[in-house]
C-alpha atoms as a PDB file:
ATOM      1  CA  MET A   1      -5.213  30.507  12.129  1.00  0.00           C
ATOM      2  CA  GLN A   2      -4.545  27.284  14.216  1.00  0.00           C
ATOM      3  CA  ARG A   3      -8.182  27.698  15.794  1.00  0.00           C
ATOM      4  CA  SER A   4      -9.722  27.957  12.133  1.00  0.00           C
ATOM      5  CA  LEU A   5      -8.010  25.098  10.933  1.00  0.00           C
ATOM      6  CA  GLY A   6      -8.864  23.161  14.036  1.00  0.00           C
ATOM      7  CA  VAL A   7     -12.530  24.134  13.522  1.00  0.00           C
ATOM      8  CA  LEU A   8     -12.263  23.341   9.696  1.00  0.00           C
ATOM      9  CA  ALA A   9     -10.880  19.859  10.744  1.00  0.00           C
ATOM     10  CA  ALA A  10     -13.582  19.098  13.204  1.00  0.00           C
ATOM     11  CA  GLU A  11     -16.347  19.778  10.818  1.00  0.00           C
ATOM     12  CA  TYR A  12     -14.865  17.614   8.140  1.00  0.00           C
ATOM     13  CA  LEU A  13     -14.407  14.832  10.765  1.00  0.00           C
ATOM     14  CA  ARG A  14     -17.967  15.220  11.483  1.00  0.00           C
ATOM     15  CA  LEU A  15     -19.044  14.789   7.775  1.00  0.00           C
ATOM     16  CA  VAL A  16     -16.937  11.700   7.594  1.00  0.00           C
ATOM     17  CA  TRP A  17     -18.419  10.279  10.744  1.00  0.00           C
ATOM     18  CA  LEU A  18     -22.085  11.314   9.303  1.00  0.00           C
ATOM     19  CA  THR A  19     -21.384   9.796   5.709  1.00  0.00           C
ATOM     20  CA  ASN A  20     -19.962   6.471   6.584  1.00  0.00           C
ATOM     21  CA  ARG A  21     -21.949   3.326   7.521  1.00  0.00           C
ATOM     22  CA  PHE A  22     -20.391   2.248  10.980  1.00  0.00           C
ATOM     23  CA  SER A  23     -20.812  -1.351  12.559  1.00  0.00           C
ATOM     24  CA  TYR A  24     -19.289  -2.430  15.809  1.00  0.00           C
ATOM     25  CA  ASP A  25     -17.696  -5.725  16.768  1.00  0.00           C
ATOM     26  CA  PRO A  26     -19.007  -7.230  18.764  1.00  0.00           C
ATOM     27  CA  LEU A  27     -22.376  -5.753  18.096  1.00  0.00           C
ATOM     28  CA  ASP A  28     -23.033  -5.208  21.936  1.00  0.00           C
ATOM     29  CA  ILE A  29     -19.628  -3.210  22.497  1.00  0.00           C
ATOM     30  CA  TYR A  30     -21.314  -0.367  24.084  1.00  0.00           C
ATOM     31  CA  GLU A  31     -23.474  -2.632  26.412  1.00  0.00           C
ATOM     32  CA  GLN A  32     -20.133  -4.484  27.316  1.00  0.00           C
ATOM     33  CA  VAL A  33     -17.980  -1.507  28.002  1.00  0.00           C
ATOM     34  CA  GLU A  34     -20.424   0.739  29.924  1.00  0.00           C
ATOM     35  CA  PRO A  35     -20.306  -1.461  33.456  1.00  0.00           C
ATOM     36  CA  MET A  36     -16.416  -0.792  33.007  1.00  0.00           C
ATOM     37  CA  MET A  37     -16.200   2.920  32.878  1.00  0.00           C
ATOM     38  CA  PRO A  38     -14.361   5.009  33.622  1.00  0.00           C
ATOM     39  CA  ALA A  39     -11.743   3.279  31.314  1.00  0.00           C
ATOM     40  CA  ILE A  40      -8.528   3.656  29.641  1.00  0.00           C
ATOM     41  CA  LEU A  41      -9.095   3.688  25.932  1.00  0.00           C
ATOM     42  CA  VAL A  42      -6.230   3.052  23.888  1.00  0.00           C
ATOM     43  CA  PHE A  43      -5.447   3.075  19.915  1.00  0.00           C
ATOM     44  CA  TRP A  44      -2.541   3.219  17.554  1.00  0.00           C
ATOM     45  CA  HIS A  45      -1.192   6.903  16.651  1.00  0.00           C
ATOM     46  CA  GLY A  46      -2.197   7.557  13.080  1.00  0.00           C
ATOM     47  CA  GLN A  47      -5.466   6.352  13.620  1.00  0.00           C
ATOM     48  CA  HIS A  48      -6.924   8.787  15.941  1.00  0.00           C
ATOM     49  CA  PHE A  49      -8.897  11.399  13.847  1.00  0.00           C
ATOM     50  CA  LEU A  50     -12.239   9.589  14.333  1.00  0.00           C
ATOM     51  CA  THR A  51     -12.003   8.389  17.896  1.00  0.00           C
ATOM     52  CA  PRO A  52     -13.869  11.697  19.492  1.00  0.00           C
ATOM     53  CA  PHE A  53     -17.099   9.804  17.940  1.00  0.00           C
ATOM     54  CA  ILE A  54     -16.969   6.625  20.120  1.00  0.00           C
ATOM     55  CA  LYS A  55     -18.243   8.771  22.852  1.00  0.00           C
ATOM     56  CA  LYS A  56     -21.757   7.816  21.550  1.00  0.00           C
ATOM     57  CA  LYS A  57     -23.557   9.090  24.511  1.00  0.00           C
ATOM     58  CA  ASP A  58     -23.481  12.490  26.254  1.00  0.00           C
ATOM     59  CA  ARG A  59     -22.827  10.687  29.565  1.00  0.00           C
ATOM     60  CA  TYR A  60     -19.830   9.113  28.269  1.00  0.00           C
ATOM     61  CA  ARG A  61     -17.702  11.968  29.628  1.00  0.00           C
ATOM     62  CA  ALA A  62     -14.142  11.695  27.928  1.00  0.00           C
ATOM     63  CA  LYS A  63     -10.542  13.388  28.033  1.00  0.00           C
ATOM     64  CA  VAL A  64      -8.015  12.602  25.333  1.00  0.00           C
ATOM     65  CA  LEU A  65      -4.087  13.121  26.105  1.00  0.00           C
ATOM     66  CA  ILE A  66      -2.646  15.394  23.331  1.00  0.00           C
ATOM     67  CA  SER A  67       0.912  16.402  23.031  1.00  0.00           C
ATOM     68  CA  ARG A  68       2.116  20.025  23.987  1.00  0.00           C
ATOM     69  CA  HIS A  69       3.830  19.985  20.138  1.00  0.00           C
ATOM     70  CA  ARG A  70       2.542  22.609  17.903  1.00  0.00           C
ATOM     71  CA  ASP A  71       0.684  20.229  15.961  1.00  0.00           C
ATOM     72  CA  GLY A  72      -0.993  19.168  19.344  1.00  0.00           C
ATOM     73  CA  GLU A  73      -2.627  22.568  19.390  1.00  0.00           C
ATOM     74  CA  PHE A  74      -4.504  21.986  16.263  1.00  0.00           C
ATOM     75  CA  ASN A  75      -5.711  18.508  17.601  1.00  0.00           C
ATOM     76  CA  ALA A  76      -6.912  19.954  20.666  1.00  0.00           C
ATOM     77  CA  ILE A  77      -9.035  22.622  19.190  1.00  0.00           C
ATOM     78  CA  ALA A  78     -10.653  19.988  16.906  1.00  0.00           C
ATOM     79  CA  ALA A  79     -10.908  17.526  19.877  1.00  0.00           C
ATOM     80  CA  GLU A  80     -12.941  20.321  21.987  1.00  0.00           C
ATOM     81  CA  ARG A  81     -15.115  21.282  19.230  1.00  0.00           C
ATOM     82  CA  LEU A  82     -16.258  17.726  18.957  1.00  0.00           C
ATOM     83  CA  GLY A  83     -17.016  17.613  22.637  1.00  0.00           C
ATOM     84  CA  VAL A  84     -14.067  15.748  23.939  1.00  0.00           C
ATOM     85  CA  GLY A  85     -12.076  17.214  26.821  1.00  0.00           C
ATOM     86  CA  THR A  86      -8.173  17.545  26.484  1.00  0.00           C
ATOM     87  CA  ILE A  87      -4.959  16.836  28.696  1.00  0.00           C
ATOM     88  CA  ARG A  88      -1.950  18.468  27.335  1.00  0.00           C
ATOM     89  CA  GLY A  89       1.337  16.430  27.939  1.00  0.00           C
ATOM     90  CA  SER A  90       3.179  13.477  26.687  1.00  0.00           C
ATOM     91  CA  GLY A  91       2.291   9.730  27.508  1.00  0.00           C
ATOM     92  CA  ASP A  92       6.131   8.978  26.818  1.00  0.00           C
ATOM     93  CA  HIS A  93       7.815   7.452  29.845  1.00  0.00           C
ATOM     94  CA  SER A  94      11.199   7.613  28.370  1.00  0.00           C
ATOM     95  CA  GLY A  95      13.961  10.297  29.035  1.00  0.00           C
ATOM     96  CA  GLY A  96      11.781  13.082  28.002  1.00  0.00           C
ATOM     97  CA  PHE A  97       8.996  12.380  30.103  1.00  0.00           C
ATOM     98  CA  HIS A  98       9.671  15.409  32.679  1.00  0.00           C
ATOM     99  CA  ARG A  99      10.539  17.753  29.776  1.00  0.00           C
ATOM    100  CA  LYS A 100       7.314  16.990  27.948  1.00  0.00           C
ATOM    101  CA  GLY A 101       4.880  17.606  30.702  1.00  0.00           C
ATOM    102  CA  GLY A 102       4.486  13.957  31.136  1.00  0.00           C
ATOM    103  CA  VAL A 103       4.258  14.177  34.921  1.00  0.00           C
ATOM    104  CA  GLY A 104       1.734  16.671  35.206  1.00  0.00           C
ATOM    105  CA  ALA A 105      -0.247  14.790  32.253  1.00  0.00           C
ATOM    106  CA  PHE A 106      -0.165  11.384  34.176  1.00  0.00           C
ATOM    107  CA  LYS A 107      -1.424  13.112  37.355  1.00  0.00           C
ATOM    108  CA  GLU A 108      -4.308  14.991  35.437  1.00  0.00           C
ATOM    109  CA  MET A 109      -5.346  11.453  33.707  1.00  0.00           C
ATOM    110  CA  VAL A 110      -5.303   9.983  37.234  1.00  0.00           C
ATOM    111  CA  ARG A 111      -7.552  12.734  38.693  1.00  0.00           C
ATOM    112  CA  ALA A 112      -9.801  12.340  35.456  1.00  0.00           C
ATOM    113  CA  LEU A 113     -10.291   8.750  36.020  1.00  0.00           C
ATOM    114  CA  GLU A 114     -11.137   9.202  39.666  1.00  0.00           C
ATOM    115  CA  GLU A 115     -13.673  12.088  38.763  1.00  0.00           C
ATOM    116  CA  GLY A 116     -15.452   9.559  36.409  1.00  0.00           C
ATOM    117  CA  TRP A 117     -13.961  10.802  33.032  1.00  0.00           C
ATOM    118  CA  ASN A 118     -12.760   8.141  30.480  1.00  0.00           C
ATOM    119  CA  VAL A 119      -9.339   8.831  29.239  1.00  0.00           C
ATOM    120  CA  ALA A 120      -8.271   8.260  25.636  1.00  0.00           C
ATOM    121  CA  THR A 121      -4.771   7.838  24.551  1.00  0.00           C
ATOM    122  CA  THR A 122      -2.496   6.472  21.773  1.00  0.00           C
ATOM    123  CA  ALA A 123      -0.568   3.582  22.828  1.00  0.00           C
ATOM    124  CA  ASP A 124       2.531   3.929  20.590  1.00  0.00           C
ATOM    125  CA  VAL A 125       5.988   4.741  21.902  1.00  0.00           C
ATOM    126  CA  PRO A 126       6.763   8.161  20.312  1.00  0.00           C
ATOM    127  CA  LYS A 127       8.228   7.746  16.862  1.00  0.00           C
ATOM    128  CA  ARG A 128       7.835   3.970  17.124  1.00  0.00           C
ATOM    129  CA  ALA A 129       4.646   3.006  15.309  1.00  0.00           C
ATOM    130  CA  ARG A 130       2.762  -0.067  16.616  1.00  0.00           C
ATOM    131  CA  VAL A 131       5.073  -0.443  19.607  1.00  0.00           C
ATOM    132  CA  ALA A 132       2.976   0.116  22.792  1.00  0.00           C
ATOM    133  CA  GLY A 133       4.580   2.022  25.565  1.00  0.00           C
ATOM    134  CA  MET A 134       4.158   1.775  29.204  1.00  0.00           C
ATOM    135  CA  GLY A 135       2.103   4.818  29.945  1.00  0.00           C
ATOM    136  CA  ALA A 136      -1.310   3.071  29.965  1.00  0.00           C
ATOM    137  CA  ILE A 137      -0.119   0.152  31.983  1.00  0.00           C
ATOM    138  CA  MET A 138       1.214   2.588  34.793  1.00  0.00           C
ATOM    139  CA  LEU A 139      -2.021   4.570  34.486  1.00  0.00           C
ATOM    140  CA  ALA A 140      -4.144   1.246  35.033  1.00  0.00           C
ATOM    141  CA  ARG A 141      -1.849   0.237  37.845  1.00  0.00           C
ATOM    142  CA  GLU A 142      -2.289   3.499  39.658  1.00  0.00           C
ATOM    143  CA  THR A 143      -6.138   3.855  39.212  1.00  0.00           C
ATOM    144  CA  GLY A 144      -7.351   0.149  38.785  1.00  0.00           C
ATOM    145  CA  ARG A 145      -9.342   0.941  35.765  1.00  0.00           C
ATOM    146  CA  PRO A 146      -9.219  -1.212  32.740  1.00  0.00           C
ATOM    147  CA  ILE A 147      -7.587  -0.661  29.531  1.00  0.00           C
ATOM    148  CA  LEU A 148      -9.531  -1.128  26.435  1.00  0.00           C
ATOM    149  CA  PRO A 149      -7.634  -1.344  23.304  1.00  0.00           C
ATOM    150  CA  PHE A 150      -9.626  -0.791  19.983  1.00  0.00           C
ATOM    151  CA  ALA A 151      -9.222   0.068  16.404  1.00  0.00           C
ATOM    152  CA  MET A 152     -11.693   2.673  14.393  1.00  0.00           C
ATOM    153  CA  VAL A 153     -11.021   2.482  10.514  1.00  0.00           C
ATOM    154  CA  THR A 154     -13.122   3.357   7.209  1.00  0.00           C
ATOM    155  CA  SER A 155     -12.874   1.853   4.012  1.00  0.00           C
ATOM    156  CA  ARG A 156     -11.817   5.067   2.173  1.00  0.00           C
ATOM    157  CA  PHE A 157      -8.838   6.995   3.202  1.00  0.00           C
ATOM    158  CA  VAL A 158      -5.592   8.403   2.436  1.00  0.00           C
ATOM    159  CA  ARG A 159      -2.399   7.357   4.332  1.00  0.00           C
ATOM    160  CA  LEU A 160       0.410   9.545   4.859  1.00  0.00           C
ATOM    161  CA  LYS A 161       4.132   8.553   4.550  1.00  0.00           C
ATOM    162  CA  ASN A 162       5.035   9.442   8.002  1.00  0.00           C
ATOM    163  CA  TRP A 163       6.209   7.709  10.989  1.00  0.00           C
ATOM    164  CA  ASP A 164       3.001   6.521  12.306  1.00  0.00           C
ATOM    165  CA  SER A 165       1.430   6.181   8.620  1.00  0.00           C
ATOM    166  CA  THR A 166      -1.374   8.715   9.531  1.00  0.00           C
ATOM    167  CA  THR A 167      -4.754   7.803   8.161  1.00  0.00           C
ATOM    168  CA  ILE A 168      -7.007  10.482   6.998  1.00  0.00           C
ATOM    169  CA  ASN A 169     -10.501   9.167   6.777  1.00  0.00           C
ATOM    170  CA  LEU A 170     -12.443   9.917   3.910  1.00  0.00           C
ATOM    171  CA  PRO A 171     -16.454  10.519   3.387  1.00  0.00           C
ATOM    172  CA  PHE A 172     -19.052   8.026   1.884  1.00  0.00           C
ATOM    173  CA  GLY A 173     -17.784   4.603   2.739  1.00  0.00           C
ATOM    174  CA  ARG A 174     -17.993   1.901   5.578  1.00  0.00           C
ATOM    175  CA  GLY A 175     -16.421   2.145   9.011  1.00  0.00           C
ATOM    176  CA  VAL A 176     -16.016  -0.139  11.980  1.00  0.00           C
ATOM    177  CA  VAL A 177     -15.005   0.011  15.629  1.00  0.00           C
ATOM    178  CA  VAL A 178     -13.468  -3.322  16.743  1.00  0.00           C
ATOM    179  CA  GLY A 179     -12.782  -3.945  20.200  1.00  0.00           C
ATOM    180  CA  ILE A 180     -11.671  -7.565  21.630  1.00  0.00           C
ATOM    181  CA  GLU A 181     -11.115  -7.586  25.437  1.00  0.00           C
ATOM    182  CA  PRO A 182     -10.148  -5.386  28.421  1.00  0.00           C
ATOM    183  CA  VAL A 183      -6.625  -5.493  30.255  1.00  0.00           C
ATOM    184  CA  HIS A 184      -6.394  -5.248  33.906  1.00  0.00           C
ATOM    185  CA  VAL A 185      -3.304  -4.570  35.734  1.00  0.00           C
ATOM    186  CA  PRO A 186      -2.944  -5.457  39.408  1.00  0.00           C
ATOM    187  CA  PRO A 187      -1.908  -2.714  41.795  1.00  0.00           C
ATOM    188  CA  ASP A 188       0.925  -4.693  42.807  1.00  0.00           C
ATOM    189  CA  ALA A 189       2.001  -5.552  39.411  1.00  0.00           C
ATOM    190  CA  ASP A 190       6.077  -6.059  39.194  1.00  0.00           C
ATOM    191  CA  ALA A 191       8.140  -5.071  36.105  1.00  0.00           C
ATOM    192  CA  GLN A 192       7.815  -8.668  34.677  1.00  0.00           C
ATOM    193  CA  THR A 193       4.046  -8.450  34.838  1.00  0.00           C
ATOM    194  CA  MET A 194       3.708  -4.984  33.315  1.00  0.00           C
ATOM    195  CA  GLU A 195       6.003  -5.938  30.293  1.00  0.00           C
ATOM    196  CA  THR A 196       3.711  -9.001  29.632  1.00  0.00           C
ATOM    197  CA  LEU A 197       0.442  -6.807  29.837  1.00  0.00           C
ATOM    198  CA  ARG A 198       2.137  -4.111  27.744  1.00  0.00           C
ATOM    199  CA  LEU A 199       2.713  -6.809  24.892  1.00  0.00           C
ATOM    200  CA  LYS A 200      -0.869  -7.893  25.382  1.00  0.00           C
ATOM    201  CA  VAL A 201      -2.133  -4.533  24.638  1.00  0.00           C
ATOM    202  CA  GLU A 202       0.203  -4.260  21.554  1.00  0.00           C
ATOM    203  CA  THR A 203      -1.132  -7.786  20.410  1.00  0.00           C
ATOM    204  CA  LEU A 204      -4.831  -6.974  20.821  1.00  0.00           C
ATOM    205  CA  LEU A 205      -4.442  -3.427  19.080  1.00  0.00           C
ATOM    206  CA  ASN A 206      -3.004  -5.227  16.101  1.00  0.00           C
ATOM    207  CA  GLU A 207      -5.482  -7.931  16.131  1.00  0.00           C
ATOM    208  CA  ALA A 208      -8.064  -5.091  16.431  1.00  0.00           C
ATOM    209  CA  THR A 209      -6.609  -3.594  13.253  1.00  0.00           C
ATOM    210  CA  ARG A 210      -6.618  -6.437  11.355  1.00  0.00           C
ATOM    211  CA  ARG A 211     -10.042  -7.350  12.014  1.00  0.00           C
ATOM    212  CA  ALA A 212     -11.215  -3.825  11.399  1.00  0.00           C
ATOM    213  CA  TYR A 213      -9.639  -3.432   7.848  1.00  0.00           C
ATOM    214  CA  ALA A 214     -10.900  -6.765   6.995  1.00  0.00           C
ATOM    215  CA  ALA A 215     -14.466  -6.007   7.980  1.00  0.00           C
ATOM    216  CA  VAL A 216     -14.436  -2.927   5.621  1.00  0.00           C
ATOM    217  CA  GLY A 217     -12.845  -4.945   2.836  1.00  0.00           C
ATOM    218  CA  ARG A 218      -9.298  -3.844   2.932  1.00  0.00           C
ATOM    219  CA  PRO A 219      -7.456  -6.359   4.797  1.00  0.00           C
ATOM    220  CA  GLU A 220      -4.119  -5.364   3.043  1.00  0.00           C
ATOM    221  CA  ALA A 221      -4.397  -1.760   4.859  1.00  0.00           C
ATOM    222  CA  ALA A 222      -3.699  -3.524   8.324  1.00  0.00           C
ATOM    223  CA  LEU A 223      -0.099  -3.991   7.169  1.00  0.00           C
ATOM    224  CA  GLY A 224       0.514  -0.229   6.727  1.00  0.00           C
END
């Protein structure tokens, strides 16, 4: 049942991607990003469904971090059908990090970046929407790869009333991908520097989300 639902979800998302007119901000976003690859791509939880389609060219190899939770299996099947590799575990660096497979997932993300894969992950602290966690910052410090915060939205959507305001994108509208600037973490970054950069990632993600919804004519949606 999970596999069938995952396949159906992937094909529905493909329909959404093909029937929305997507634009990019900046217009040359791929030309800017390509020299920085492999990179750590981050986005808000709840805005993740269409992110497999940022892998515009076959040579943009990517893996996404997906939780080991039961719902994660469904997401993993859909992502793999859409040509994205998966890493299973938690990006949370709280007390549940070891229990949720976080250590193994972190090591696998490091290895993937070393092998030339882009790594994508949600930025939020689990169950705290729009609060960036430290996971991507630690990964960037360990690997020297840049963090690329971005937002990917559509003008037509249904928003669920759950902790992360999950957005289900709908066909036949407009879409946009917005990126602002990379975040680099020095290999010797101390706790204060890492906190400053964590806040920067959070600010960039909120600004990208605001600009994205404004671009598709739904500025009020950025508050959700």
